[in-house]
């Protein structure tokens, strides 16, 4: 079973978060915003498993084409990225380079992130 995909998105002028499925988005912010106003607080509270389990019992609330994607975590403190971190990287890039012994690490600033398809 694939890992759940969590997202932050906007719809009807409100920013929300939820679980993305093939059929739409299960809106978790409408159910958990009192305890976890954003995904940032849900992560800090160790609540992602709870949220994903709840979403698995529900049908999507929004169609995928009805939302505007936002960066997943609002106002992050720091963003540490890991590059070249999967075995099929060389097959995907087809650049003739050897697989690195270690993945690369780099920092990103919050303003360098945008939502999907923006």
PDB file of N, CA and C in Angstrom:
ATOM      1  N   UNK A   1       0.843  -1.176   0.000  1.00  0.00           N
ATOM      2  CA  UNK A   1       0.000   0.000   0.000  1.00  0.00           C
ATOM      3  C   UNK A   1       0.887   1.238   0.000  1.00  0.00           C
ATOM      4  N   UNK A   2       0.609   2.207  -0.889  1.00  0.00           N
ATOM      5  CA  UNK A   2       1.442   3.415  -0.945  1.00  0.00           C
ATOM      6  C   UNK A   2       1.264   4.272   0.306  1.00  0.00           C
ATOM      7  N   UNK A   3       2.284   5.047   0.582  1.00  0.00           N
ATOM      8  CA  UNK A   3       2.228   5.957   1.731  1.00  0.00           C
ATOM      9  C   UNK A   3       1.163   7.018   1.481  1.00  0.00           C
ATOM     10  N   UNK A   4       0.469   7.435   2.517  1.00  0.00           N
ATOM     11  CA  UNK A   4      -0.534   8.486   2.340  1.00  0.00           C
ATOM     12  C   UNK A   4       0.134   9.791   1.918  1.00  0.00           C
ATOM     13  N   UNK A   5      -0.575  10.565   1.143  1.00  0.00           N
ATOM     14  CA  UNK A   5      -0.081  11.860   0.675  1.00  0.00           C
ATOM     15  C   UNK A   5      -0.853  12.954   1.400  1.00  0.00           C
ATOM     16  N   UNK A   6      -0.149  13.712   2.208  1.00  0.00           N
ATOM     17  CA  UNK A   6      -0.750  14.820   2.949  1.00  0.00           C
ATOM     18  C   UNK A   6      -0.491  16.108   2.185  1.00  0.00           C
ATOM     19  N   UNK A   7      -1.449  17.017   2.234  1.00  0.00           N
ATOM     20  CA  UNK A   7      -1.307  18.255   1.468  1.00  0.00           C
ATOM     21  C   UNK A   7      -1.978  19.405   2.195  1.00  0.00           C
ATOM     22  N   UNK A   8      -1.478  20.597   1.897  1.00  0.00           N
ATOM     23  CA  UNK A   8      -2.138  21.833   2.285  1.00  0.00           C
ATOM     24  C   UNK A   8      -2.656  22.461   1.001  1.00  0.00           C
ATOM     25  N   UNK A   9      -3.859  22.995   1.045  1.00  0.00           N
ATOM     26  CA  UNK A   9      -4.485  23.519  -0.165  1.00  0.00           C
ATOM     27  C   UNK A   9      -5.437  24.648   0.212  1.00  0.00           C
ATOM     28  N   UNK A  10      -5.871  25.391  -0.789  1.00  0.00           N
ATOM     29  CA  UNK A  10      -6.869  26.432  -0.587  1.00  0.00           C
ATOM     30  C   UNK A  10      -8.108  26.091  -1.403  1.00  0.00           C
ATOM     31  N   UNK A  11      -9.258  26.395  -0.815  1.00  0.00           N
ATOM     32  CA  UNK A  11     -10.533  26.237  -1.512  1.00  0.00           C
ATOM     33  C   UNK A  11     -11.494  27.271  -0.942  1.00  0.00           C
ATOM     34  N   UNK A  12     -12.213  27.943  -1.814  1.00  0.00           N
ATOM     35  CA  UNK A  12     -13.187  28.960  -1.398  1.00  0.00           C
ATOM     36  C   UNK A  12     -12.575  29.986  -0.449  1.00  0.00           C
ATOM     37  N   UNK A  13     -11.331  30.369  -0.696  1.00  0.00           N
ATOM     38  CA  UNK A  13     -10.673  31.400   0.090  1.00  0.00           C
ATOM     39  C   UNK A  13     -10.110  30.960   1.428  1.00  0.00           C
ATOM     40  N   UNK A  14     -10.230  29.667   1.748  1.00  0.00           N
ATOM     41  CA  UNK A  14      -9.710  29.162   3.025  1.00  0.00           C
ATOM     42  C   UNK A  14      -8.563  28.187   2.776  1.00  0.00           C
ATOM     43  N   UNK A  15      -7.549  28.249   3.614  1.00  0.00           N
ATOM     44  CA  UNK A  15      -6.441  27.307   3.540  1.00  0.00           C
ATOM     45  C   UNK A  15      -6.755  26.138   4.461  1.00  0.00           C
ATOM     46  N   UNK A  16      -6.589  24.914   3.929  1.00  0.00           N
ATOM     47  CA  UNK A  16      -6.968  23.704   4.642  1.00  0.00           C
ATOM     48  C   UNK A  16      -5.879  22.655   4.443  1.00  0.00           C
ATOM     49  N   UNK A  17      -6.002  21.517   5.121  1.00  0.00           N
ATOM     50  CA  UNK A  17      -5.084  20.398   4.895  1.00  0.00           C
ATOM     51  C   UNK A  17      -5.878  19.101   4.900  1.00  0.00           C
ATOM     52  N   UNK A  18      -5.282  18.091   4.275  1.00  0.00           N
ATOM     53  CA  UNK A  18      -5.969  16.806   4.214  1.00  0.00           C
ATOM     54  C   UNK A  18      -5.116  15.730   3.584  1.00  0.00           C
ATOM     55  N   UNK A  19      -5.758  14.592   3.319  1.00  0.00           N
ATOM     56  CA  UNK A  19      -5.103  13.462   2.672  1.00  0.00           C
ATOM     57  C   UNK A  19      -5.584  13.396   1.232  1.00  0.00           C
ATOM     58  N   UNK A  20      -4.633  13.296   0.323  1.00  0.00           N
ATOM     59  CA  UNK A  20      -4.931  13.216  -1.101  1.00  0.00           C
ATOM     60  C   UNK A  20      -5.145  11.755  -1.470  1.00  0.00           C
ATOM     61  N   UNK A  21      -6.263  11.470  -2.140  1.00  0.00           N
ATOM     62  CA  UNK A  21      -6.547  10.134  -2.651  1.00  0.00           C
ATOM     63  C   UNK A  21      -6.672  10.226  -4.168  1.00  0.00           C
ATOM     64  N   UNK A  22      -6.856   9.106  -4.820  1.00  0.00           N
ATOM     65  CA  UNK A  22      -7.045   9.123  -6.276  1.00  0.00           C
ATOM     66  C   UNK A  22      -8.336   9.830  -6.661  1.00  0.00           C
ATOM     67  N   UNK A  23      -9.296   9.876  -5.746  1.00  0.00           N
ATOM     68  CA  UNK A  23     -10.612  10.441  -6.046  1.00  0.00           C
ATOM     69  C   UNK A  23     -10.846  11.833  -5.487  1.00  0.00           C
ATOM     70  N   UNK A  24      -9.892  12.396  -4.772  1.00  0.00           N
ATOM     71  CA  UNK A  24     -10.059  13.728  -4.209  1.00  0.00           C
ATOM     72  C   UNK A  24      -9.289  13.900  -2.924  1.00  0.00           C
ATOM     73  N   UNK A  25      -9.694  14.874  -2.137  1.00  0.00           N
ATOM     74  CA  UNK A  25      -9.011  15.184  -0.881  1.00  0.00           C
ATOM     75  C   UNK A  25      -9.974  15.005   0.284  1.00  0.00           C
ATOM     76  N   UNK A  26      -9.530  14.257   1.270  1.00  0.00           N
ATOM     77  CA  UNK A  26     -10.271  14.149   2.521  1.00  0.00           C
ATOM     78  C   UNK A  26      -9.828  15.322   3.388  1.00  0.00           C
ATOM     79  N   UNK A  27     -10.750  16.210   3.673  1.00  0.00           N
ATOM     80  CA  UNK A  27     -10.448  17.422   4.433  1.00  0.00           C
ATOM     81  C   UNK A  27     -10.313  17.083   5.911  1.00  0.00           C
ATOM     82  N   UNK A  28      -9.094  17.127   6.404  1.00  0.00           N
ATOM     83  CA  UNK A  28      -8.851  16.849   7.821  1.00  0.00           C
ATOM     84  C   UNK A  28      -8.924  18.110   8.674  1.00  0.00           C
ATOM     85  N   UNK A  29      -8.664  19.252   8.074  1.00  0.00           N
ATOM     86  CA  UNK A  29      -8.697  20.487   8.862  1.00  0.00           C
ATOM     87  C   UNK A  29     -10.103  20.766   9.381  1.00  0.00           C
ATOM     88  N   UNK A  30     -11.121  20.367   8.642  1.00  0.00           N
ATOM     89  CA  UNK A  30     -12.485  20.595   9.130  1.00  0.00           C
ATOM     90  C   UNK A  30     -12.798  19.738  10.350  1.00  0.00           C
ATOM     91  N   UNK A  31     -12.052  18.665  10.532  1.00  0.00           N
ATOM     92  CA  UNK A  31     -12.295  17.745  11.649  1.00  0.00           C
ATOM     93  C   UNK A  31     -11.309  17.923  12.800  1.00  0.00           C
ATOM     94  N   UNK A  32     -10.104  18.441  12.505  1.00  0.00           N
ATOM     95  CA  UNK A  32      -9.045  18.468  13.523  1.00  0.00           C
ATOM     96  C   UNK A  32      -8.416  19.842  13.741  1.00  0.00           C
ATOM     97  N   UNK A  33      -8.929  20.894  13.118  1.00  0.00           N
ATOM     98  CA  UNK A  33      -8.285  22.210  13.216  1.00  0.00           C
ATOM     99  C   UNK A  33      -8.213  22.739  14.643  1.00  0.00           C
ATOM    100  N   UNK A  34      -9.148  22.346  15.495  1.00  0.00           N
ATOM    101  CA  UNK A  34      -9.101  22.811  16.892  1.00  0.00           C
ATOM    102  C   UNK A  34      -7.817  22.335  17.575  1.00  0.00           C
ATOM    103  N   UNK A  35      -7.441  21.085  17.339  1.00  0.00           N
ATOM    104  CA  UNK A  35      -6.219  20.537  17.943  1.00  0.00           C
ATOM    105  C   UNK A  35      -4.975  20.803  17.103  1.00  0.00           C
ATOM    106  N   UNK A  36      -5.135  20.796  15.772  1.00  0.00           N
ATOM    107  CA  UNK A  36      -4.001  20.947  14.853  1.00  0.00           C
ATOM    108  C   UNK A  36      -4.406  21.940  13.761  1.00  0.00           C
ATOM    109  N   UNK A  37      -4.172  23.220  13.974  1.00  0.00           N
ATOM    110  CA  UNK A  37      -4.598  24.222  12.994  1.00  0.00           C
ATOM    111  C   UNK A  37      -3.979  24.032  11.607  1.00  0.00           C
ATOM    112  N   UNK A  38      -2.754  23.478  11.548  1.00  0.00           N
ATOM    113  CA  UNK A  38      -2.085  23.202  10.271  1.00  0.00           C
ATOM    114  C   UNK A  38      -1.350  21.871  10.388  1.00  0.00           C
ATOM    115  N   UNK A  39      -0.813  21.421   9.272  1.00  0.00           N
ATOM    116  CA  UNK A  39      -0.014  20.194   9.305  1.00  0.00           C
ATOM    117  C   UNK A  39       1.224  20.361  10.181  1.00  0.00           C
ATOM    118  N   UNK A  40       1.706  21.570  10.298  1.00  0.00           N
ATOM    119  CA  UNK A  40       2.875  21.804  11.155  1.00  0.00           C
ATOM    120  C   UNK A  40       2.589  21.369  12.591  1.00  0.00           C
ATOM    121  N   UNK A  41       1.440  21.748  13.131  1.00  0.00           N
ATOM    122  CA  UNK A  41       1.086  21.372  14.503  1.00  0.00           C
ATOM    123  C   UNK A  41       0.783  19.880  14.607  1.00  0.00           C
ATOM    124  N   UNK A  42       0.207  19.310  13.558  1.00  0.00           N
ATOM    125  CA  UNK A  42      -0.076  17.869  13.572  1.00  0.00           C
ATOM    126  C   UNK A  42       1.226  17.068  13.627  1.00  0.00           C
ATOM    127  N   UNK A  43       2.216  17.502  12.871  1.00  0.00           N
ATOM    128  CA  UNK A  43       3.520  16.836  12.895  1.00  0.00           C
ATOM    129  C   UNK A  43       4.158  16.990  14.274  1.00  0.00           C
ATOM    130  N   UNK A  44       4.153  18.218  14.803  1.00  0.00           N
ATOM    131  CA  UNK A  44       4.764  18.476  16.113  1.00  0.00           C
ATOM    132  C   UNK A  44       4.114  17.645  17.212  1.00  0.00           C
ATOM    133  N   UNK A  45       2.826  17.373  17.074  1.00  0.00           N
ATOM    134  CA  UNK A  45       2.104  16.598  18.091  1.00  0.00           C
ATOM    135  C   UNK A  45       2.206  15.090  17.868  1.00  0.00           C
ATOM    136  N   UNK A  46       2.866  14.676  16.793  1.00  0.00           N
ATOM    137  CA  UNK A  46       2.964  13.248  16.490  1.00  0.00           C
ATOM    138  C   UNK A  46       1.615  12.651  16.097  1.00  0.00           C
ATOM    139  N   UNK A  47       0.764  13.455  15.468  1.00  0.00           N
ATOM    140  CA  UNK A  47      -0.612  13.042  15.191  1.00  0.00           C
ATOM    141  C   UNK A  47      -0.859  12.567  13.761  1.00  0.00           C
ATOM    142  N   UNK A  48       0.165  12.449  12.937  1.00  0.00           N
ATOM    143  CA  UNK A  48      -0.075  12.094  11.539  1.00  0.00           C
ATOM    144  C   UNK A  48      -0.748  10.735  11.385  1.00  0.00           C
ATOM    145  N   UNK A  49      -0.342   9.751  12.171  1.00  0.00           N
ATOM    146  CA  UNK A  49      -0.971   8.428  12.084  1.00  0.00           C
ATOM    147  C   UNK A  49      -2.457   8.531  12.404  1.00  0.00           C
ATOM    148  N   UNK A  50      -2.784   9.261  13.435  1.00  0.00           N
ATOM    149  CA  UNK A  50      -4.189   9.468  13.817  1.00  0.00           C
ATOM    150  C   UNK A  50      -4.973  10.101  12.664  1.00  0.00           C
ATOM    151  N   UNK A  51      -4.403  11.113  12.025  1.00  0.00           N
ATOM    152  CA  UNK A  51      -5.086  11.793  10.932  1.00  0.00           C
ATOM    153  C   UNK A  51      -5.279  10.879   9.732  1.00  0.00           C
ATOM    154  N   UNK A  52      -4.228  10.142   9.381  1.00  0.00           N
ATOM    155  CA  UNK A  52      -4.301   9.240   8.229  1.00  0.00           C
ATOM    156  C   UNK A  52      -5.317   8.130   8.478  1.00  0.00           C
ATOM    157  N   UNK A  53      -5.345   7.597   9.681  1.00  0.00           N
ATOM    158  CA  UNK A  53      -6.313   6.543  10.004  1.00  0.00           C
ATOM    159  C   UNK A  53      -7.742   7.078   9.913  1.00  0.00           C
ATOM    160  N   UNK A  54      -7.955   8.296  10.353  1.00  0.00           N
ATOM    161  CA  UNK A  54      -9.282   8.892  10.243  1.00  0.00           C
ATOM    162  C   UNK A  54      -9.668   9.087   8.768  1.00  0.00           C
ATOM    163  N   UNK A  55      -8.733   9.584   7.982  1.00  0.00           N
ATOM    164  CA  UNK A  55      -9.011   9.827   6.556  1.00  0.00           C
ATOM    165  C   UNK A  55      -9.355   8.540   5.819  1.00  0.00           C
ATOM    166  N   UNK A  56      -8.751   7.426   6.222  1.00  0.00           N
ATOM    167  CA  UNK A  56      -8.994   6.147   5.546  1.00  0.00           C
ATOM    168  C   UNK A  56     -10.446   5.693   5.675  1.00  0.00           C
ATOM    169  N   UNK A  57     -11.158   6.216   6.656  1.00  0.00           N
ATOM    170  CA  UNK A  57     -12.563   5.840   6.886  1.00  0.00           C
ATOM    171  C   UNK A  57     -13.530   6.747   6.138  1.00  0.00           C
ATOM    172  N   UNK A  58     -13.016   7.742   5.425  1.00  0.00           N
ATOM    173  CA  UNK A  58     -13.878   8.770   4.851  1.00  0.00           C
ATOM    174  C   UNK A  58     -13.763   8.849   3.332  1.00  0.00           C
ATOM    175  N   UNK A  59     -14.793   9.398   2.740  1.00  0.00           N
ATOM    176  CA  UNK A  59     -14.790   9.696   1.304  1.00  0.00           C
ATOM    177  C   UNK A  59     -14.220  11.095   1.109  1.00  0.00           C
ATOM    178  N   UNK A  60     -13.684  11.382  -0.067  1.00  0.00           N
ATOM    179  CA  UNK A  60     -13.136  12.722  -0.327  1.00  0.00           C
ATOM    180  C   UNK A  60     -14.191  13.816  -0.170  1.00  0.00           C
ATOM    181  N   UNK A  61     -13.740  14.950   0.319  1.00  0.00           N
ATOM    182  CA  UNK A  61     -14.601  16.124   0.480  1.00  0.00           C
ATOM    183  C   UNK A  61     -14.483  17.078  -0.702  1.00  0.00           C
ATOM    184  N   UNK A  62     -13.341  17.062  -1.377  1.00  0.00           N
ATOM    185  CA  UNK A  62     -13.089  17.999  -2.473  1.00  0.00           C
ATOM    186  C   UNK A  62     -12.473  17.263  -3.658  1.00  0.00           C
ATOM    187  N   UNK A  63     -12.848  17.683  -4.857  1.00  0.00           N
ATOM    188  CA  UNK A  63     -12.216  17.162  -6.072  1.00  0.00           C
ATOM    189  C   UNK A  63     -10.818  17.757  -6.191  1.00  0.00           C
ATOM    190  N   UNK A  64      -9.915  17.005  -6.789  1.00  0.00           N
ATOM    191  CA  UNK A  64      -8.536  17.476  -6.930  1.00  0.00           C
ATOM    192  C   UNK A  64      -8.445  18.747  -7.770  1.00  0.00           C
ATOM    193  N   UNK A  65      -9.307  18.873  -8.778  1.00  0.00           N
ATOM    194  CA  UNK A  65      -9.237  20.052  -9.639  1.00  0.00           C
ATOM    195  C   UNK A  65      -9.971  21.265  -9.058  1.00  0.00           C
ATOM    196  N   UNK A  66     -10.518  21.126  -7.857  1.00  0.00           N
ATOM    197  CA  UNK A  66     -11.235  22.232  -7.216  1.00  0.00           C
ATOM    198  C   UNK A  66     -10.364  23.018  -6.249  1.00  0.00           C
ATOM    199  N   UNK A  67      -9.120  22.578  -6.040  1.00  0.00           N
ATOM    200  CA  UNK A  67      -8.271  23.209  -5.030  1.00  0.00           C
ATOM    201  C   UNK A  67      -7.057  23.868  -5.662  1.00  0.00           C
ATOM    202  N   UNK A  68      -6.481  24.810  -4.937  1.00  0.00           N
ATOM    203  CA  UNK A  68      -5.189  25.404  -5.285  1.00  0.00           C
ATOM    204  C   UNK A  68      -4.180  24.870  -4.269  1.00  0.00           C
ATOM    205  N   UNK A  69      -3.148  24.208  -4.754  1.00  0.00           N
ATOM    206  CA  UNK A  69      -2.154  23.597  -3.879  1.00  0.00           C
ATOM    207  C   UNK A  69      -1.283  24.665  -3.239  1.00  0.00           C
ATOM    208  N   UNK A  70      -0.973  24.472  -1.960  1.00  0.00           N
ATOM    209  CA  UNK A  70      -0.100  25.366  -1.199  1.00  0.00           C
ATOM    210  C   UNK A  70       1.135  24.581  -0.761  1.00  0.00           C
ATOM    211  N   UNK A  71       2.194  25.262  -0.341  1.00  0.00           N
ATOM    212  CA  UNK A  71       3.319  24.522   0.239  1.00  0.00           C
ATOM    213  C   UNK A  71       2.793  23.667   1.400  1.00  0.00           C
ATOM    214  N   UNK A  72       3.302  22.450   1.541  1.00  0.00           N
ATOM    215  CA  UNK A  72       2.711  21.530   2.520  1.00  0.00           C
ATOM    216  C   UNK A  72       2.757  21.998   3.966  1.00  0.00           C
ATOM    217  N   UNK A  73       3.855  22.589   4.375  1.00  0.00           N
ATOM    218  CA  UNK A  73       4.006  23.016   5.768  1.00  0.00           C
ATOM    219  C   UNK A  73       4.085  24.541   5.810  1.00  0.00           C
ATOM    220  N   UNK A  74       3.088  25.188   6.392  1.00  0.00           N
ATOM    221  CA  UNK A  74       3.142  26.651   6.464  1.00  0.00           C
ATOM    222  C   UNK A  74       4.180  27.131   7.480  1.00  0.00           C
ATOM    223  N   UNK A  75       4.893  28.176   7.123  1.00  0.00           N
ATOM    224  CA  UNK A  75       5.862  28.829   8.007  1.00  0.00           C
ATOM    225  C   UNK A  75       6.864  27.857   8.632  1.00  0.00           C
ATOM    226  N   UNK A  76       7.580  27.072   7.820  1.00  0.00           N
ATOM    227  CA  UNK A  76       8.571  26.165   8.413  1.00  0.00           C
ATOM    228  C   UNK A  76       9.757  26.944   8.987  1.00  0.00           C
ATOM    229  N   UNK A  77      10.358  26.403  10.036  1.00  0.00           N
ATOM    230  CA  UNK A  77      11.543  27.030  10.623  1.00  0.00           C
ATOM    231  C   UNK A  77      12.756  26.842   9.722  1.00  0.00           C
ATOM    232  N   UNK A  78      12.987  25.606   9.323  1.00  0.00           N
ATOM    233  CA  UNK A  78      14.096  25.303   8.425  1.00  0.00           C
ATOM    234  C   UNK A  78      13.685  24.116   7.563  1.00  0.00           C
ATOM    235  N   UNK A  79      14.303  24.037   6.421  1.00  0.00           N
ATOM    236  CA  UNK A  79      13.969  22.968   5.487  1.00  0.00           C
ATOM    237  C   UNK A  79      15.277  22.315   5.066  1.00  0.00           C
ATOM    238  N   UNK A  80      15.450  21.083   5.473  1.00  0.00           N
ATOM    239  CA  UNK A  80      16.643  20.318   5.108  1.00  0.00           C
ATOM    240  C   UNK A  80      16.200  19.289   4.075  1.00  0.00           C
ATOM    241  N   UNK A  81      16.818  19.321   2.919  1.00  0.00           N
ATOM    242  CA  UNK A  81      16.443  18.435   1.815  1.00  0.00           C
ATOM    243  C   UNK A  81      17.521  17.384   1.580  1.00  0.00           C
ATOM    244  N   UNK A  82      17.091  16.244   1.119  1.00  0.00           N
ATOM    245  CA  UNK A  82      17.992  15.163   0.771  1.00  0.00           C
ATOM    246  C   UNK A  82      17.815  14.891  -0.717  1.00  0.00           C
ATOM    247  N   UNK A  83      18.880  15.009  -1.465  1.00  0.00           N
ATOM    248  CA  UNK A  83      18.823  14.763  -2.908  1.00  0.00           C
ATOM    249  C   UNK A  83      19.443  13.432  -3.264  1.00  0.00           C
ATOM    250  N   UNK A  84      19.133  12.956  -4.429  1.00  0.00           N
ATOM    251  CA  UNK A  84      19.656  11.684  -4.948  1.00  0.00           C
ATOM    252  C   UNK A  84      19.460  10.606  -3.879  1.00  0.00           C
ATOM    253  N   UNK A  85      18.231  10.475  -3.410  1.00  0.00           N
ATOM    254  CA  UNK A  85      17.976   9.615  -2.264  1.00  0.00           C
ATOM    255  C   UNK A  85      17.134   8.382  -2.600  1.00  0.00           C
ATOM    256  N   UNK A  86      17.171   7.951  -3.840  1.00  0.00           N
ATOM    257  CA  UNK A  86      16.436   6.744  -4.193  1.00  0.00           C
ATOM    258  C   UNK A  86      17.229   5.957  -5.235  1.00  0.00           C
ATOM    259  N   UNK A  87      17.076   4.648  -5.255  1.00  0.00           N
ATOM    260  CA  UNK A  87      17.927   3.794  -6.080  1.00  0.00           C
ATOM    261  C   UNK A  87      17.802   4.021  -7.586  1.00  0.00           C
ATOM    262  N   UNK A  88      16.647   4.413  -8.079  1.00  0.00           N
ATOM    263  CA  UNK A  88      16.459   4.548  -9.520  1.00  0.00           C
ATOM    264  C   UNK A  88      16.761   5.945 -10.037  1.00  0.00           C
ATOM    265  N   UNK A  89      17.431   6.743  -9.275  1.00  0.00           N
ATOM    266  CA  UNK A  89      17.745   8.113  -9.675  1.00  0.00           C
ATOM    267  C   UNK A  89      18.476   8.156 -11.001  1.00  0.00           C
ATOM    268  N   UNK A  90      19.494   7.336 -11.172  1.00  0.00           N
ATOM    269  CA  UNK A  90      20.283   7.387 -12.406  1.00  0.00           C
ATOM    270  C   UNK A  90      19.464   6.970 -13.616  1.00  0.00           C
ATOM    271  N   UNK A  91      18.584   5.995 -13.462  1.00  0.00           N
ATOM    272  CA  UNK A  91      17.725   5.584 -14.565  1.00  0.00           C
ATOM    273  C   UNK A  91      16.782   6.726 -14.955  1.00  0.00           C
ATOM    274  N   UNK A  92      16.318   7.468 -13.970  1.00  0.00           N
ATOM    275  CA  UNK A  92      15.406   8.581 -14.246  1.00  0.00           C
ATOM    276  C   UNK A  92      16.117   9.743 -14.936  1.00  0.00           C
ATOM    277  N   UNK A  93      17.306  10.115 -14.461  1.00  0.00           N
ATOM    278  CA  UNK A  93      18.006  11.274 -15.003  1.00  0.00           C
ATOM    279  C   UNK A  93      18.757  10.964 -16.289  1.00  0.00           C
ATOM    280  N   UNK A  94      19.193   9.735 -16.476  1.00  0.00           N
ATOM    281  CA  UNK A  94      19.910   9.312 -17.686  1.00  0.00           C
ATOM    282  C   UNK A  94      21.043  10.276 -18.044  1.00  0.00           C
ATOM    283  N   UNK A  95      21.819  10.658 -17.031  1.00  0.00           N
ATOM    284  CA  UNK A  95      22.908  11.597 -17.277  1.00  0.00           C
ATOM    285  C   UNK A  95      24.276  10.916 -17.298  1.00  0.00           C
ATOM    286  N   UNK A  96      24.293   9.599 -17.188  1.00  0.00           N
ATOM    287  CA  UNK A  96      25.542   8.856 -17.279  1.00  0.00           C
ATOM    288  C   UNK A  96      26.401   8.908 -16.036  1.00  0.00           C
ATOM    289  N   UNK A  97      25.946   9.565 -14.992  1.00  0.00           N
ATOM    290  CA  UNK A  97      26.766   9.644 -13.789  1.00  0.00           C
ATOM    291  C   UNK A  97      26.579   8.397 -12.938  1.00  0.00           C
ATOM    292  N   UNK A  98      27.618   8.071 -12.183  1.00  0.00           N
ATOM    293  CA  UNK A  98      27.529   6.948 -11.261  1.00  0.00           C
ATOM    294  C   UNK A  98      26.672   7.333 -10.065  1.00  0.00           C
ATOM    295  N   UNK A  99      26.069   6.336  -9.470  1.00  0.00           N
ATOM    296  CA  UNK A  99      25.292   6.590  -8.260  1.00  0.00           C
ATOM    297  C   UNK A  99      26.244   7.079  -7.171  1.00  0.00           C
ATOM    298  N   UNK A 100      25.881   8.143  -6.469  1.00  0.00           N
ATOM    299  CA  UNK A 100      26.760   8.644  -5.416  1.00  0.00           C
ATOM    300  C   UNK A 100      26.780   7.683  -4.227  1.00  0.00           C
ATOM    301  N   UNK A 101      27.897   7.711  -3.511  1.00  0.00           N
ATOM    302  CA  UNK A 101      28.010   6.871  -2.332  1.00  0.00           C
ATOM    303  C   UNK A 101      27.033   7.332  -1.244  1.00  0.00           C
ATOM    304  N   UNK A 102      26.816   8.648  -1.142  1.00  0.00           N
ATOM    305  CA  UNK A 102      25.918   9.220  -0.145  1.00  0.00           C
ATOM    306  C   UNK A 102      24.963  10.205  -0.831  1.00  0.00           C
ATOM    307  N   UNK A 103      23.747  10.329  -0.309  1.00  0.00           N
ATOM    308  CA  UNK A 103      22.842  11.346  -0.870  1.00  0.00           C
ATOM    309  C   UNK A 103      23.350  12.745  -0.540  1.00  0.00           C
ATOM    310  N   UNK A 104      22.948  13.706  -1.330  1.00  0.00           N
ATOM    311  CA  UNK A 104      23.338  15.090  -1.054  1.00  0.00           C
ATOM    312  C   UNK A 104      22.343  15.713  -0.083  1.00  0.00           C
ATOM    313  N   UNK A 105      22.831  16.650   0.697  1.00  0.00           N
ATOM    314  CA  UNK A 105      21.976  17.397   1.622  1.00  0.00           C
ATOM    315  C   UNK A 105      22.095  18.869   1.273  1.00  0.00           C
ATOM    316  N   UNK A 106      20.970  19.563   1.348  1.00  0.00           N
ATOM    317  CA  UNK A 106      20.999  20.994   1.094  1.00  0.00           C
ATOM    318  C   UNK A 106      19.845  21.657   1.834  1.00  0.00           C
ATOM    319  N   UNK A 107      19.984  22.953   2.069  1.00  0.00           N
ATOM    320  CA  UNK A 107      18.963  23.723   2.766  1.00  0.00           C
ATOM    321  C   UNK A 107      18.140  24.515   1.761  1.00  0.00           C
ATOM    322  N   UNK A 108      16.881  24.727   2.099  1.00  0.00           N
ATOM    323  CA  UNK A 108      15.998  25.579   1.295  1.00  0.00           C
ATOM    324  C   UNK A 108      15.402  26.615   2.232  1.00  0.00           C
ATOM    325  N   UNK A 109      15.117  27.770   1.702  1.00  0.00           N
ATOM    326  CA  UNK A 109      14.447  28.805   2.490  1.00  0.00           C
ATOM    327  C   UNK A 109      12.939  28.691   2.249  1.00  0.00           C
ATOM    328  N   UNK A 110      12.139  29.035   3.233  1.00  0.00           N
ATOM    329  CA  UNK A 110      10.685  28.879   3.091  1.00  0.00           C
ATOM    330  C   UNK A 110      10.103  29.558   1.847  1.00  0.00           C
ATOM    331  N   UNK A 111      10.609  30.716   1.474  1.00  0.00           N
ATOM    332  CA  UNK A 111      10.054  31.435   0.322  1.00  0.00           C
ATOM    333  C   UNK A 111      10.349  30.748  -0.999  1.00  0.00           C
ATOM    334  N   UNK A 112      11.215  29.720  -0.991  1.00  0.00           N
ATOM    335  CA  UNK A 112      11.544  29.044  -2.255  1.00  0.00           C
ATOM    336  C   UNK A 112      10.550  27.937  -2.586  1.00  0.00           C
ATOM    337  N   UNK A 113       9.559  27.704  -1.742  1.00  0.00           N
ATOM    338  CA  UNK A 113       8.564  26.664  -1.975  1.00  0.00           C
ATOM    339  C   UNK A 113       7.272  27.251  -2.511  1.00  0.00           C
ATOM    340  N   UNK A 114       6.667  26.503  -3.410  1.00  0.00           N
ATOM    341  CA  UNK A 114       5.340  26.842  -3.917  1.00  0.00           C
ATOM    342  C   UNK A 114       4.492  25.585  -3.889  1.00  0.00           C
ATOM    343  N   UNK A 115       3.217  25.744  -4.026  1.00  0.00           N
ATOM    344  CA  UNK A 115       2.324  24.591  -4.085  1.00  0.00           C
ATOM    345  C   UNK A 115       2.450  23.882  -5.428  1.00  0.00           C
ATOM    346  N   UNK A 116       1.996  22.647  -5.461  1.00  0.00           N
ATOM    347  CA  UNK A 116       1.997  21.820  -6.667  1.00  0.00           C
ATOM    348  C   UNK A 116       1.240  22.537  -7.790  1.00  0.00           C
ATOM    349  N   UNK A 117       1.781  22.468  -8.989  1.00  0.00           N
ATOM    350  CA  UNK A 117       1.168  23.063 -10.193  1.00  0.00           C
ATOM    351  C   UNK A 117       1.038  24.584 -10.147  1.00  0.00           C
ATOM    352  N   UNK A 118       1.816  25.266  -9.318  1.00  0.00           N
ATOM    353  CA  UNK A 118       1.725  26.737  -9.302  1.00  0.00           C
ATOM    354  C   UNK A 118       2.933  27.348  -9.935  1.00  0.00           C
TER     355      UNK A 118
END
